[in-house]
Amino acid sequence: MDHRTQRLKKKKKRLDRPVVFFDFSLLFIILFLLAFGLIMVYSTSAYSAGIKFGQVDYFFRRQLISSGIGVAGMIIASRIDYHIYWKWSGLFYVVAFILCVAVAIPGIGTEINNSRRWLQVGPLSFQPSEVAKLVSLIVVAGVVCNMPKSINRFSNVLRTFFIVFPLFGSVAYTNLSNALIIMAITVCIIFVASRKYAQFFVTAAILAALGIIFVLVESYRASRIDAWLHPETSEKGYQTLQGLYAIGSGGLFGKGLGQSVQKLGYVPEAQNDMIFSIICEELGLFGAICVICLFILMLWRFAVIANNAKDLYGSLLVVGVMGHIAVQVILNIAVVTNSIPNTGISLPFISYGGTSVIFLLAEMGIVLNISRGIRIEEKYEST
């Protein structure tokens, strides 16, 4: 056997092995958004942190630590087989439900800015609603995966909603915005898995009716509607108005990074839910569009991974994450631009919030692990 034949056989044997895929594009987008978020948190919060805590980098350092923990969690999650989450989903569900109920109990849940959404464990505090979002994603994807054909029946759609409803209700009692995210994740997964779309209109009507009742039950929720419709006269419309001033004053290219005026005490807690308004003021319409385009690219990478996942469960998990990110970004921008009432939704990876960024990065780790399961068969022409 001559050397040419041996080389061709070795080459064929090497090329017959499937190439393992890893989505470096998605990883780059995640890290870029994370780094950009840290820059914007520092720029947005330095003034208020210096006055309130005497340290201009107070919020930045806390967000940096949380981001470091989140990146470590993302790396670990990207190495763990995602099928194991379904095996432990029952335990995850019970723990998440107990934590969400505990928040609502006076004396156990910690109240910050007139909202009881945190649990205090020693010097650390976290939002159980962020845990609930991740758990609902795992549970709904698993439930739907176990009945891929029967999910077309309306009774099974309702059954899936009933399974997640206790978690939704326990979160909605203290944090309606994150409860909406849980419901959005559920709807996205079922919508993709089902072939019958008429049932979604019925479900949407039921949920809309329940949502209206839920809003009217508490007076402070109804006052948010008034602030949305009349921000210039409502007592609770101040933050929205200041955010709109920030967006309008930014123009096309903004005032420059760090040059915002509205962050100097005019927009309350600007580093949180209203950070997009400061992005518009400092980086202008151009910067805002760039941020939106990055999120669109992220969603596109999710779609690619979901379409090529090696099994239905992996595909539905990615669909759930995609729905989570898409709905949260849309709601945050809609709130900041006063397109919808204020719901207290943060901008993923960019807004200040340790619990949020940690669990978002955990979701990204799950998606990256699913992308590792994709095999690329390369085709070569004989020469």
Protein backbone atom coordinates (compact mmCIF):
# COMPACT_ATOMS: atom_id res chain seq x y z
CA MET A 1 0.00 0.00 0.00
CA ASP A 2 1.59 3.28 -1.11
CA HIS A 3 1.87 6.38 1.04
CA ARG A 4 -0.88 8.19 -0.90
CA THR A 5 -3.43 5.45 -0.13
CA GLN A 6 -2.48 5.43 3.57
CA ARG A 7 -2.86 9.19 3.80
CA LEU A 8 -6.29 9.07 2.14
CA LYS A 9 -7.47 6.35 4.57
CA LYS A 10 -6.23 8.28 7.59
CA LYS A 11 -7.87 11.43 6.28
CA LYS A 12 -11.19 9.62 5.68
CA LYS A 13 -11.11 8.08 9.17
CA ARG A 14 -10.42 11.45 10.75
CA LEU A 15 -13.16 13.22 8.77
CA ASP A 16 -15.73 10.50 9.48
CA ARG A 17 -15.76 11.56 13.14
CA PRO A 18 -18.47 14.16 13.87
CA VAL A 19 -17.22 17.61 14.82
CA VAL A 20 -18.45 18.76 18.25
CA PHE A 21 -20.19 22.14 18.05
CA PHE A 22 -19.84 24.94 20.58
CA ASP A 23 -21.54 28.28 20.05
CA PHE A 24 -18.72 30.76 20.55
CA SER A 25 -20.87 33.48 18.93
CA LEU A 26 -23.42 33.17 21.73
CA LEU A 27 -20.65 33.11 24.34
CA PHE A 28 -19.18 36.33 22.92
CA ILE A 29 -22.58 38.07 22.97
CA ILE A 30 -23.16 37.01 26.59
CA LEU A 31 -19.76 38.25 27.76
CA PHE A 32 -20.06 41.48 25.78
CA LEU A 33 -23.49 42.27 27.25
CA LEU A 34 -22.15 41.43 30.71
CA ALA A 35 -19.15 43.75 30.31
CA PHE A 36 -21.32 46.50 28.85
CA GLY A 37 -23.74 46.08 31.74
CA LEU A 38 -20.94 46.54 34.27
CA ILE A 39 -19.81 49.73 32.53
CA MET A 40 -23.35 51.12 32.48
CA VAL A 41 -23.99 50.15 36.12
CA TYR A 42 -20.88 52.09 37.16
CA SER A 43 -21.72 55.06 34.94
CA THR A 44 -25.35 55.15 36.10
CA SER A 45 -24.86 54.56 39.81
CA ALA A 46 -21.59 56.34 40.68
CA TYR A 47 -23.27 59.61 41.70
CA SER A 48 -26.02 58.08 43.87
CA ALA A 49 -23.63 55.49 45.37
CA GLY A 50 -21.19 58.22 46.35
CA ILE A 51 -23.92 60.18 48.14
CA LYS A 52 -25.67 57.22 49.77
CA PHE A 53 -22.72 54.94 50.63
CA GLY A 54 -19.67 57.18 50.26
CA GLN A 55 -18.26 54.82 47.60
CA VAL A 56 -18.80 55.60 43.94
CA ASP A 57 -18.13 51.98 42.97
CA TYR A 58 -20.49 50.43 45.55
CA PHE A 59 -23.03 49.05 43.07
CA PHE A 60 -20.34 48.26 40.51
CA ARG A 61 -18.37 46.07 42.93
CA ARG A 62 -21.47 44.15 44.00
CA GLN A 63 -22.50 43.61 40.40
CA LEU A 64 -18.95 42.53 39.50
CA ILE A 65 -18.94 39.92 42.28
CA SER A 66 -22.35 38.62 41.20
CA SER A 67 -21.20 38.50 37.57
CA GLY A 68 -18.11 36.53 38.58
CA ILE A 69 -20.28 34.02 40.49
CA GLY A 70 -22.64 33.87 37.52
CA VAL A 71 -19.85 33.21 35.01
CA ALA A 72 -18.51 30.42 37.23
CA GLY A 73 -22.05 28.99 37.40
CA MET A 74 -22.39 29.28 33.63
CA ILE A 75 -19.16 27.34 33.09
CA ILE A 76 -20.30 24.61 35.49
CA ALA A 77 -23.78 24.43 33.94
CA SER A 78 -22.26 24.19 30.45
CA ARG A 79 -20.47 21.01 31.59
CA ILE A 80 -23.46 19.31 33.25
CA ASP A 81 -25.75 17.11 31.15
CA TYR A 82 -29.01 19.05 30.97
CA HIS A 83 -31.12 15.87 31.26
CA ILE A 84 -30.27 15.69 34.96
CA TYR A 85 -32.38 18.79 35.66
CA TRP A 86 -35.59 16.97 34.71
CA LYS A 87 -34.75 14.10 37.08
CA TRP A 88 -34.56 16.55 39.97
CA SER A 89 -37.31 18.87 38.74
CA GLY A 90 -39.81 17.76 41.41
CA LEU A 91 -37.44 18.73 44.21
CA PHE A 92 -36.54 21.99 42.46
CA TYR A 93 -40.25 22.82 42.15
CA VAL A 94 -41.00 22.21 45.83
CA VAL A 95 -37.98 24.24 46.99
CA ALA A 96 -38.82 27.14 44.68
CA PHE A 97 -42.46 27.14 45.81
CA ILE A 98 -41.49 27.15 49.51
CA LEU A 99 -39.04 30.03 48.95
CA CYS A 100 -41.64 32.09 47.06
CA VAL A 101 -44.25 31.52 49.76
CA ALA A 102 -41.74 32.42 52.48
CA VAL A 103 -41.15 35.82 50.86
CA ALA A 104 -44.82 36.72 51.31
CA ILE A 105 -44.76 35.98 55.05
CA PRO A 106 -44.17 39.15 57.13
CA GLY A 107 -41.04 38.82 59.22
CA ILE A 108 -39.43 36.38 56.80
CA GLY A 109 -39.45 38.25 53.51
CA THR A 110 -37.31 41.40 53.35
CA GLU A 111 -39.02 44.60 52.18
CA ILE A 112 -37.03 47.05 50.05
CA ASN A 113 -38.57 50.17 48.45
CA ASN A 114 -42.06 49.12 49.62
CA SER A 115 -41.74 45.72 47.88
CA ARG A 116 -41.29 42.43 49.70
CA ARG A 117 -39.36 40.36 47.14
CA TRP A 118 -36.18 39.29 48.92
CA LEU A 119 -35.07 36.66 51.40
CA GLN A 120 -32.18 37.47 53.72
CA VAL A 121 -29.67 34.71 54.46
CA GLY A 122 -26.97 36.16 56.73
CA PRO A 123 -25.37 39.10 54.91
CA LEU A 124 -26.76 37.95 51.57
CA SER A 125 -30.18 38.58 50.03
CA PHE A 126 -31.73 37.06 46.93
CA GLN A 127 -35.01 37.02 45.00
CA PRO A 128 -36.74 33.61 44.99
CA SER A 129 -38.72 34.72 41.93
CA GLU A 130 -35.49 34.38 39.90
CA VAL A 131 -35.20 30.80 41.11
CA ALA A 132 -38.84 30.23 40.16
CA LYS A 133 -38.24 31.40 36.58
CA LEU A 134 -35.45 28.87 36.06
CA VAL A 135 -37.43 26.06 37.72
CA SER A 136 -40.56 26.79 35.67
CA LEU A 137 -38.43 26.59 32.53
CA ILE A 138 -37.12 23.13 33.51
CA VAL A 139 -40.52 21.80 34.63
CA VAL A 140 -42.60 23.01 31.66
CA ALA A 141 -40.05 21.80 29.10
CA GLY A 142 -40.03 18.37 30.76
CA VAL A 143 -43.84 18.11 31.03
CA VAL A 144 -44.36 19.07 27.38
CA CYS A 145 -41.52 16.78 26.24
CA ASN A 146 -43.26 13.80 27.86
CA MET A 147 -46.43 14.39 25.83
CA PRO A 148 -45.21 15.77 22.48
CA LYS A 149 -48.30 14.65 20.53
CA SER A 150 -51.01 14.95 23.16
CA ILE A 151 -50.03 18.57 23.88
CA ASN A 152 -52.25 19.44 20.93
CA ARG A 153 -55.27 18.62 23.11
CA PHE A 154 -56.59 21.63 25.00
CA SER A 155 -57.03 19.58 28.17
CA ASN A 156 -53.29 18.89 28.26
CA VAL A 157 -52.52 22.55 27.66
CA LEU A 158 -54.64 23.42 30.68
CA ARG A 159 -52.97 20.65 32.68
CA THR A 160 -49.57 22.15 31.95
CA PHE A 161 -50.80 25.56 33.09
CA PHE A 162 -52.25 24.04 36.27
CA ILE A 163 -48.89 22.41 37.03
CA VAL A 164 -47.07 25.72 36.88
CA PHE A 165 -49.91 27.80 38.39
CA PRO A 166 -48.94 27.32 42.09
CA LEU A 167 -45.47 28.66 41.31
CA PHE A 168 -46.96 31.48 39.26
CA GLY A 169 -49.42 32.43 41.99
CA SER A 170 -46.83 32.41 44.78
CA VAL A 171 -44.60 34.73 42.75
CA ALA A 172 -47.45 36.98 41.56
CA TYR A 173 -48.49 37.74 45.14
CA THR A 174 -45.30 39.74 45.72
CA ASN A 175 -43.81 40.21 42.23
CA LEU A 176 -46.28 40.42 39.35
CA SER A 177 -43.62 41.27 36.77
CA ASN A 178 -41.61 38.08 37.30
CA ALA A 179 -44.85 36.09 37.44
CA LEU A 180 -45.60 37.38 33.94
CA ILE A 181 -42.21 36.10 32.83
CA ILE A 182 -43.03 32.64 34.23
CA MET A 183 -46.31 32.61 32.31
CA ALA A 184 -44.54 33.84 29.15
CA ILE A 185 -42.01 30.99 29.38
CA THR A 186 -44.87 28.50 29.73
CA VAL A 187 -46.79 29.93 26.77
CA CYS A 188 -43.70 30.03 24.52
CA ILE A 189 -42.81 26.39 25.14
CA ILE A 190 -46.39 25.15 24.64
CA PHE A 191 -46.87 27.34 21.56
CA VAL A 192 -43.77 25.92 19.85
CA ALA A 193 -44.65 22.32 20.76
CA SER A 194 -48.33 22.52 19.76
CA ARG A 195 -49.73 22.46 16.25
CA LYS A 196 -53.11 23.89 17.19
CA TYR A 197 -53.04 27.64 17.72
CA ALA A 198 -56.75 28.36 18.24
CA GLN A 199 -56.52 27.14 21.83
CA PHE A 200 -54.00 29.86 22.59
CA PHE A 201 -56.56 32.57 21.86
CA VAL A 202 -58.92 30.98 24.40
CA THR A 203 -56.10 30.68 26.93
CA ALA A 204 -55.00 34.27 26.27
CA ALA A 205 -58.54 35.52 26.89
CA ILE A 206 -58.74 33.62 30.20
CA LEU A 207 -55.34 34.91 31.31
CA ALA A 208 -56.23 38.47 30.29
CA ALA A 209 -59.41 38.32 32.38
CA LEU A 210 -57.51 36.95 35.37
CA GLY A 211 -54.85 39.63 34.89
CA ILE A 212 -57.43 42.43 34.96
CA ILE A 213 -58.96 41.04 38.15
CA PHE A 214 -55.51 40.68 39.69
CA VAL A 215 -54.66 44.30 38.89
CA LEU A 216 -57.90 45.66 40.31
CA VAL A 217 -57.55 43.70 43.57
CA GLU A 218 -54.65 45.87 44.75
CA SER A 219 -54.98 49.65 44.59
CA TYR A 220 -51.27 50.21 43.97
CA ARG A 221 -51.49 48.20 40.74
CA ALA A 222 -54.41 50.32 39.54
CA SER A 223 -52.40 53.45 40.37
CA ARG A 224 -49.69 52.23 37.99
CA ILE A 225 -52.27 52.24 35.20
CA ASP A 226 -53.09 55.86 36.03
CA ALA A 227 -49.36 56.73 36.08
CA TRP A 228 -49.01 55.15 32.65
CA LEU A 229 -51.92 57.05 31.14
CA HIS A 230 -51.20 60.36 32.89
CA PRO A 231 -47.51 60.44 33.92
CA GLU A 232 -47.43 64.23 34.00
CA THR A 233 -50.16 64.48 36.66
CA SER A 234 -49.89 61.19 38.55
CA GLU A 235 -47.85 61.04 41.76
CA LYS A 236 -46.23 57.81 40.58
CA GLY A 237 -45.44 59.11 37.11
CA TYR A 238 -42.29 60.98 38.17
CA GLN A 239 -39.83 58.18 37.35
CA THR A 240 -41.43 57.58 33.96
CA LEU A 241 -41.31 61.28 33.07
CA GLN A 242 -37.65 61.62 34.04
CA GLY A 243 -36.82 58.52 32.01
CA LEU A 244 -38.55 60.00 28.96
CA TYR A 245 -36.60 63.25 29.44
CA ALA A 246 -33.39 61.19 29.43
CA ILE A 247 -34.36 59.40 26.22
CA GLY A 248 -35.37 62.62 24.49
CA SER A 249 -32.24 64.53 25.47
CA GLY A 250 -29.90 61.82 24.16
CA GLY A 251 -30.56 62.57 20.52
CA LEU A 252 -28.94 60.45 17.82
CA PHE A 253 -25.51 59.79 19.33
CA GLY A 254 -26.02 60.81 22.96
CA LYS A 255 -24.16 63.11 25.31
CA GLY A 256 -21.27 60.71 25.79
CA LEU A 257 -20.56 57.90 28.23
CA GLY A 258 -20.77 59.18 31.81
CA GLN A 259 -22.32 62.52 30.78
CA SER A 260 -25.94 61.83 31.73
CA VAL A 261 -27.75 64.53 33.69
CA GLN A 262 -30.85 62.54 34.59
CA LYS A 263 -28.86 59.99 36.58
CA LEU A 264 -27.85 62.76 39.02
CA GLY A 265 -30.79 62.08 41.29
CA TYR A 266 -33.57 62.77 38.78
CA VAL A 267 -34.28 59.17 37.73
CA PRO A 268 -34.74 57.18 40.98
CA GLU A 269 -32.71 53.94 41.13
CA ALA A 270 -31.51 54.55 37.58
CA GLN A 271 -29.15 51.56 37.66
CA ASN A 272 -32.09 49.17 38.01
CA ASP A 273 -35.11 48.98 35.73
CA MET A 274 -34.58 52.42 34.11
CA ILE A 275 -31.00 51.87 32.97
CA PHE A 276 -32.07 51.77 29.31
CA SER A 277 -33.13 55.42 29.55
CA ILE A 278 -29.59 56.36 30.67
CA ILE A 279 -28.16 54.31 27.79
CA CYS A 280 -30.31 56.39 25.44
CA GLU A 281 -29.15 59.63 27.06
CA GLU A 282 -25.45 58.82 27.06
CA LEU A 283 -25.16 56.78 23.84
CA GLY A 284 -28.17 58.10 21.96
CA LEU A 285 -30.51 56.30 19.60
CA PHE A 286 -27.49 54.68 17.93
CA GLY A 287 -26.35 53.06 21.18
CA ALA A 288 -29.88 51.93 22.04
CA ILE A 289 -30.29 50.28 18.63
CA CYS A 290 -26.92 48.54 19.02
CA VAL A 291 -28.05 47.07 22.35
CA ILE A 292 -31.33 45.88 20.82
CA CYS A 293 -29.43 44.35 17.88
CA LEU A 294 -27.21 42.41 20.30
CA PHE A 295 -30.29 40.91 21.94
CA ILE A 296 -31.70 40.06 18.50
CA LEU A 297 -28.43 38.29 17.63
CA MET A 298 -28.66 36.39 20.92
CA LEU A 299 -32.21 35.27 20.10
CA TRP A 300 -31.05 34.17 16.64
CA ARG A 301 -28.34 32.00 18.20
CA PHE A 302 -30.96 30.49 20.51
CA ALA A 303 -33.09 29.66 17.47
CA VAL A 304 -30.14 27.98 15.75
CA ILE A 305 -29.36 25.87 18.82
CA ALA A 306 -33.04 24.96 19.37
CA ASN A 307 -33.42 23.83 15.74
CA ASN A 308 -30.32 21.63 15.94
CA ALA A 309 -30.58 20.26 19.49
CA LYS A 310 -30.17 16.50 19.68
CA ASP A 311 -33.52 15.91 21.40
CA LEU A 312 -36.88 17.56 22.08
CA TYR A 313 -36.15 18.34 25.72
CA GLY A 314 -33.02 20.30 24.85
CA SER A 315 -34.86 22.14 22.11
CA LEU A 316 -37.73 23.12 24.43
CA LEU A 317 -35.32 24.29 27.13
CA VAL A 318 -33.69 26.66 24.63
CA VAL A 319 -37.11 27.84 23.44
CA GLY A 320 -37.99 28.64 27.06
CA VAL A 321 -34.79 30.63 27.56
CA MET A 322 -35.40 32.42 24.28
CA GLY A 323 -38.93 33.34 25.39
CA HIS A 324 -37.61 34.51 28.77
CA ILE A 325 -34.99 36.84 27.29
CA ALA A 326 -37.25 38.14 24.50
CA VAL A 327 -40.20 38.95 26.76
CA GLN A 328 -38.03 40.52 29.47
CA VAL A 329 -36.19 42.78 26.99
CA ILE A 330 -39.44 43.81 25.28
CA LEU A 331 -41.19 44.56 28.57
CA ASN A 332 -38.27 46.54 29.98
CA ILE A 333 -37.94 48.75 26.90
CA ALA A 334 -41.72 49.14 26.69
CA VAL A 335 -41.84 50.29 30.34
CA VAL A 336 -38.97 52.74 29.91
CA THR A 337 -40.61 54.27 26.82
CA ASN A 338 -44.00 54.33 28.64
CA SER A 339 -45.56 51.98 26.08
CA ILE A 340 -46.97 49.85 28.92
CA PRO A 341 -47.51 50.45 32.67
CA ASN A 342 -44.47 50.18 34.91
CA THR A 343 -43.96 46.53 35.88
CA GLY A 344 -40.51 46.59 37.46
CA ILE A 345 -38.80 44.42 34.82
CA SER A 346 -35.00 44.58 34.63
CA LEU A 347 -32.96 44.61 31.41
CA PRO A 348 -31.15 41.24 31.18
CA PHE A 349 -27.38 41.31 31.85
CA ILE A 350 -27.35 45.12 32.03
CA SER A 351 -29.58 46.24 34.91
CA TYR A 352 -28.17 46.06 38.44
CA GLY A 353 -29.28 42.92 40.26
CA GLY A 354 -27.12 40.12 41.63
CA THR A 355 -29.73 37.36 41.75
CA SER A 356 -30.95 38.17 38.26
CA VAL A 357 -27.53 38.04 36.60
CA ILE A 358 -26.53 34.83 38.41
CA PHE A 359 -29.60 32.90 37.29
CA LEU A 360 -29.53 34.39 33.80
CA LEU A 361 -25.98 33.14 33.39
CA ALA A 362 -27.05 29.74 34.74
CA GLU A 363 -29.63 29.62 31.94
CA MET A 364 -26.93 30.55 29.45
CA GLY A 365 -24.82 27.68 30.77
CA ILE A 366 -27.70 25.26 30.11
CA VAL A 367 -28.05 26.59 26.55
CA LEU A 368 -24.31 26.24 25.94
CA ASN A 369 -24.44 22.66 27.24
CA ILE A 370 -27.25 21.90 24.80
CA SER A 371 -25.16 23.39 21.99
CA ARG A 372 -22.38 20.93 22.88
CA GLY A 373 -24.73 18.10 21.95
CA ILE A 374 -24.94 19.29 18.34
CA ARG A 375 -22.86 17.22 15.94
CA ILE A 376 -21.68 18.61 12.61
CA GLU A 377 -21.12 16.09 9.84
CA GLU A 378 -18.62 17.58 7.42
CA LYS A 379 -18.82 16.57 3.77
CA TYR A 380 -15.78 16.39 1.55
CA GLU A 381 -15.31 15.72 -2.10
CA SER A 382 -13.02 12.90 -3.13
CA THR A 383 -9.81 14.08 -4.69
